[in-house]
C-alpha atoms as a PDB file:
ATOM      1  CA  MET A   1      -0.504   0.101  -0.263  1.00  0.00           C
ATOM      2  CA  ILE A   2       2.706   2.073   1.011  1.00  0.00           C
ATOM      3  CA  GLU A   3       5.875   2.787  -1.539  1.00  0.00           C
ATOM      4  CA  ALA A   4       8.944   1.835  -0.159  1.00  0.00           C
ATOM      5  CA  GLN A   5      10.131   5.297   0.454  1.00  0.00           C
ATOM      6  CA  SER A   6       7.343   6.624   1.365  1.00  0.00           C
ATOM      7  CA  LYS A   7       8.456   4.595   5.038  1.00  0.00           C
ATOM      8  CA  ASP A   8      11.188   6.623   4.895  1.00  0.00           C
ATOM      9  CA  GLN A   9       9.444  10.373   5.368  1.00  0.00           C
ATOM     10  CA  ARG A  10       8.596  12.540   7.723  1.00  0.00           C
ATOM     11  CA  TYR A  11       7.459  16.030   7.850  1.00  0.00           C
ATOM     12  CA  PRO A  12       7.100  18.628  10.500  1.00  0.00           C
ATOM     13  CA  CYS A  13       2.869  18.578  12.058  1.00  0.00           C
ATOM     14  CA  GLN A  14       1.139  21.299  11.600  1.00  0.00           C
ATOM     15  CA  ASN A  15      -0.462  20.840  14.421  1.00  0.00           C
ATOM     16  CA  CYS A  16       1.273  21.482  17.362  1.00  0.00           C
ATOM     17  CA  HIS A  17       4.624  22.823  15.093  1.00  0.00           C
ATOM     18  CA  ALA A  18       6.941  20.815  17.493  1.00  0.00           C
ATOM     19  CA  GLY A  19       6.527  16.495  16.645  1.00  0.00           C
ATOM     20  CA  HIS A  20       7.055  15.659  13.666  1.00  0.00           C
ATOM     21  CA  VAL A  21       4.612  13.415  11.493  1.00  0.00           C
ATOM     22  CA  SER A  22       5.479   9.824  10.353  1.00  0.00           C
ATOM     23  CA  ILE A  23       3.519   6.827   8.538  1.00  0.00           C
ATOM     24  CA  GLN A  24       3.012   3.724  11.510  1.00  0.00           C
ATOM     25  CA  HIS A  25       0.077   1.743  10.562  1.00  0.00           C
ATOM     26  CA  ILE A  26      -2.682   1.624  13.093  1.00  0.00           C
ATOM     27  CA  THR A  27      -6.181  -0.082  13.903  1.00  0.00           C
ATOM     28  CA  TYR A  28      -8.417   1.899  11.842  1.00  0.00           C
ATOM     29  CA  PHE A  29     -12.366   2.250  13.061  1.00  0.00           C
ATOM     30  CA  THR A  30     -15.345   3.130  11.693  1.00  0.00           C
ATOM     31  CA  TRP A  31     -19.131   2.556  12.080  1.00  0.00           C
ATOM     32  CA  LEU A  32     -20.949   1.185   9.425  1.00  0.00           C
ATOM     33  CA  SER A  33     -24.687   0.252   9.833  1.00  0.00           C
ATOM     34  CA  GLY A  34     -24.968   1.087  12.921  1.00  0.00           C
ATOM     35  CA  GLU A  35     -21.924  -1.225  13.370  1.00  0.00           C
ATOM     36  CA  LEU A  36     -18.223  -0.792  14.773  1.00  0.00           C
ATOM     37  CA  ILE A  37     -15.862  -2.112  11.951  1.00  0.00           C
ATOM     38  CA  THR A  38     -11.956  -2.158  12.954  1.00  0.00           C
ATOM     39  CA  VAL A  39      -9.707  -2.285  10.256  1.00  0.00           C
ATOM     40  CA  PRO A  40      -6.527  -4.568  11.905  1.00  0.00           C
ATOM     41  CA  ASP A  41      -2.340  -2.384  10.360  1.00  0.00           C
ATOM     42  CA  PHE A  42      -4.072   0.705   9.030  1.00  0.00           C
ATOM     43  CA  PRO A  43      -1.551   4.065   7.051  1.00  0.00           C
ATOM     44  CA  ALA A  44      -1.855   6.605   8.848  1.00  0.00           C
ATOM     45  CA  TRP A  45       0.191   9.311   9.243  1.00  0.00           C
ATOM     46  CA  VAL A  46       1.335  10.135  13.037  1.00  0.00           C
ATOM     47  CA  CYS A  47       2.506  13.054  14.800  1.00  0.00           C
ATOM     48  CA  ASP A  48       5.053  11.434  17.441  1.00  0.00           C
ATOM     49  CA  MET A  49       3.934  14.637  19.569  1.00  0.00           C
ATOM     50  CA  CYS A  50       0.714  15.301  19.717  1.00  0.00           C
ATOM     51  CA  GLY A  51      -1.253  12.315  18.031  1.00  0.00           C
ATOM     52  CA  LEU A  52      -2.697  13.874  15.661  1.00  0.00           C
ATOM     53  CA  ARG A  53      -3.540  11.140  12.456  1.00  0.00           C
ATOM     54  CA  GLU A  54      -3.787  11.833   9.144  1.00  0.00           C
ATOM     55  CA  TYR A  55      -5.192   8.527   7.226  1.00  0.00           C
ATOM     56  CA  ASP A  56      -3.760   7.756   3.898  1.00  0.00           C
ATOM     57  CA  GLN A  57      -6.078   9.146   1.136  1.00  0.00           C
ATOM     58  CA  ARG A  58      -5.794   6.171  -1.272  1.00  0.00           C
ATOM     59  CA  ALA A  59      -6.311   3.109   1.786  1.00  0.00           C
ATOM     60  CA  LEU A  60      -9.138   5.041   2.290  1.00  0.00           C
ATOM     61  CA  SER A  61     -10.779   5.155  -1.417  1.00  0.00           C
ATOM     62  CA  TRP A  62     -10.001   1.417  -1.022  1.00  0.00           C
ATOM     63  CA  LEU A  63     -11.736   0.613   2.433  1.00  0.00           C
ATOM     64  CA  ASN A  64     -14.582   2.705   1.245  1.00  0.00           C
ATOM     65  CA  ILE A  65     -14.904   0.918  -2.042  1.00  0.00           C
ATOM     66  CA  ILE A  66     -14.629  -2.728   0.015  1.00  0.00           C
ATOM     67  CA  LEU A  67     -17.110  -1.082   2.537  1.00  0.00           C
ATOM     68  CA  SER A  68     -19.432   0.273  -0.015  1.00  0.00           C
ATOM     69  CA  PRO A  69     -22.828  -2.034  -0.562  1.00  0.00           C
ATOM     70  CA  ASP A  70     -22.572  -2.221  -4.284  1.00  0.00           C
ATOM     71  CA  THR A  71     -19.139  -3.477  -4.506  1.00  0.00           C
ATOM     72  CA  GLY A  72     -19.293  -7.022  -6.291  1.00  0.00           C
ATOM     73  CA  ARG A  73     -23.097  -6.355  -7.599  1.00  0.00           C
ATOM     74  CA  LYS A  74     -23.674  -5.485 -11.885  1.00  0.00           C
ATOM     75  CA  LYS A  75     -25.554  -1.794 -11.664  1.00  0.00           C
ATOM     76  CA  GLN A  76     -29.155  -2.032 -13.283  1.00  0.00           C
ATOM     77  CA  ALA A  77     -29.693   0.104 -16.416  1.00  0.00           C
ATOM     78  CA  ALA A  78     -32.631   2.934 -15.312  1.00  0.00           C
ATOM     79  CA  LYS A  79     -35.910   2.748 -16.223  1.00  0.00           C
ATOM     80  CA  GLN A  80     -36.153   5.634 -19.099  1.00  0.00           C
ATOM     81  CA  PRO A  81     -40.427   5.868 -19.473  1.00  0.00           C
ATOM     82  CA  VAL A  82     -41.284   6.744 -23.003  1.00  0.00           C
ATOM     83  CA  SER A  83     -41.910  10.187 -23.874  1.00  0.00           C
ATOM     84  CA  PRO A  84     -45.145  11.683 -25.025  1.00  0.00           C
ATOM     85  CA  SER A  85     -44.353  12.036 -28.638  1.00  0.00           C
ATOM     86  CA  LYS A  86     -42.718   7.816 -29.058  1.00  0.00           C
ATOM     87  CA  ARG A  87     -46.307   6.568 -27.833  1.00  0.00           C
ATOM     88  CA  PRO A  88     -48.650   5.015 -29.700  1.00  0.00           C
ATOM     89  CA  ALA A  89     -51.656   7.608 -30.430  1.00  0.00           C
ATOM     90  CA  ILE A  90     -55.018   6.004 -28.590  1.00  0.00           C
ATOM     91  CA  GLN A  91     -58.115   5.545 -31.304  1.00  0.00           C
ATOM     92  CA  PRO A  92     -61.500   6.803 -30.195  1.00  0.00           C
ATOM     93  CA  ASP A  93     -64.542   4.303 -30.388  1.00  0.00           C
ATOM     94  CA  ILE A  94     -66.528   5.765 -33.029  1.00  0.00           C
END
């Protein structure tokens, strides 16, 4: 998930301005339909001073796809109503 070169990268924390943010693998918690979901070894940028966490955006995107209730289902084409100009004309009874 995280490239080898980014594991050694650190940058100053924008929250506390004292610590450094580096990549770590943590347990990610989220709620889905009223149930608590935990994801172990989830990549996040964590400050060593204040503990601020910024989750890896690519990993979050993948997780959202995996947890989507529509994952694996074929998309059904929406039925479009027939426009009035394409409907057959109704002949009055004489």
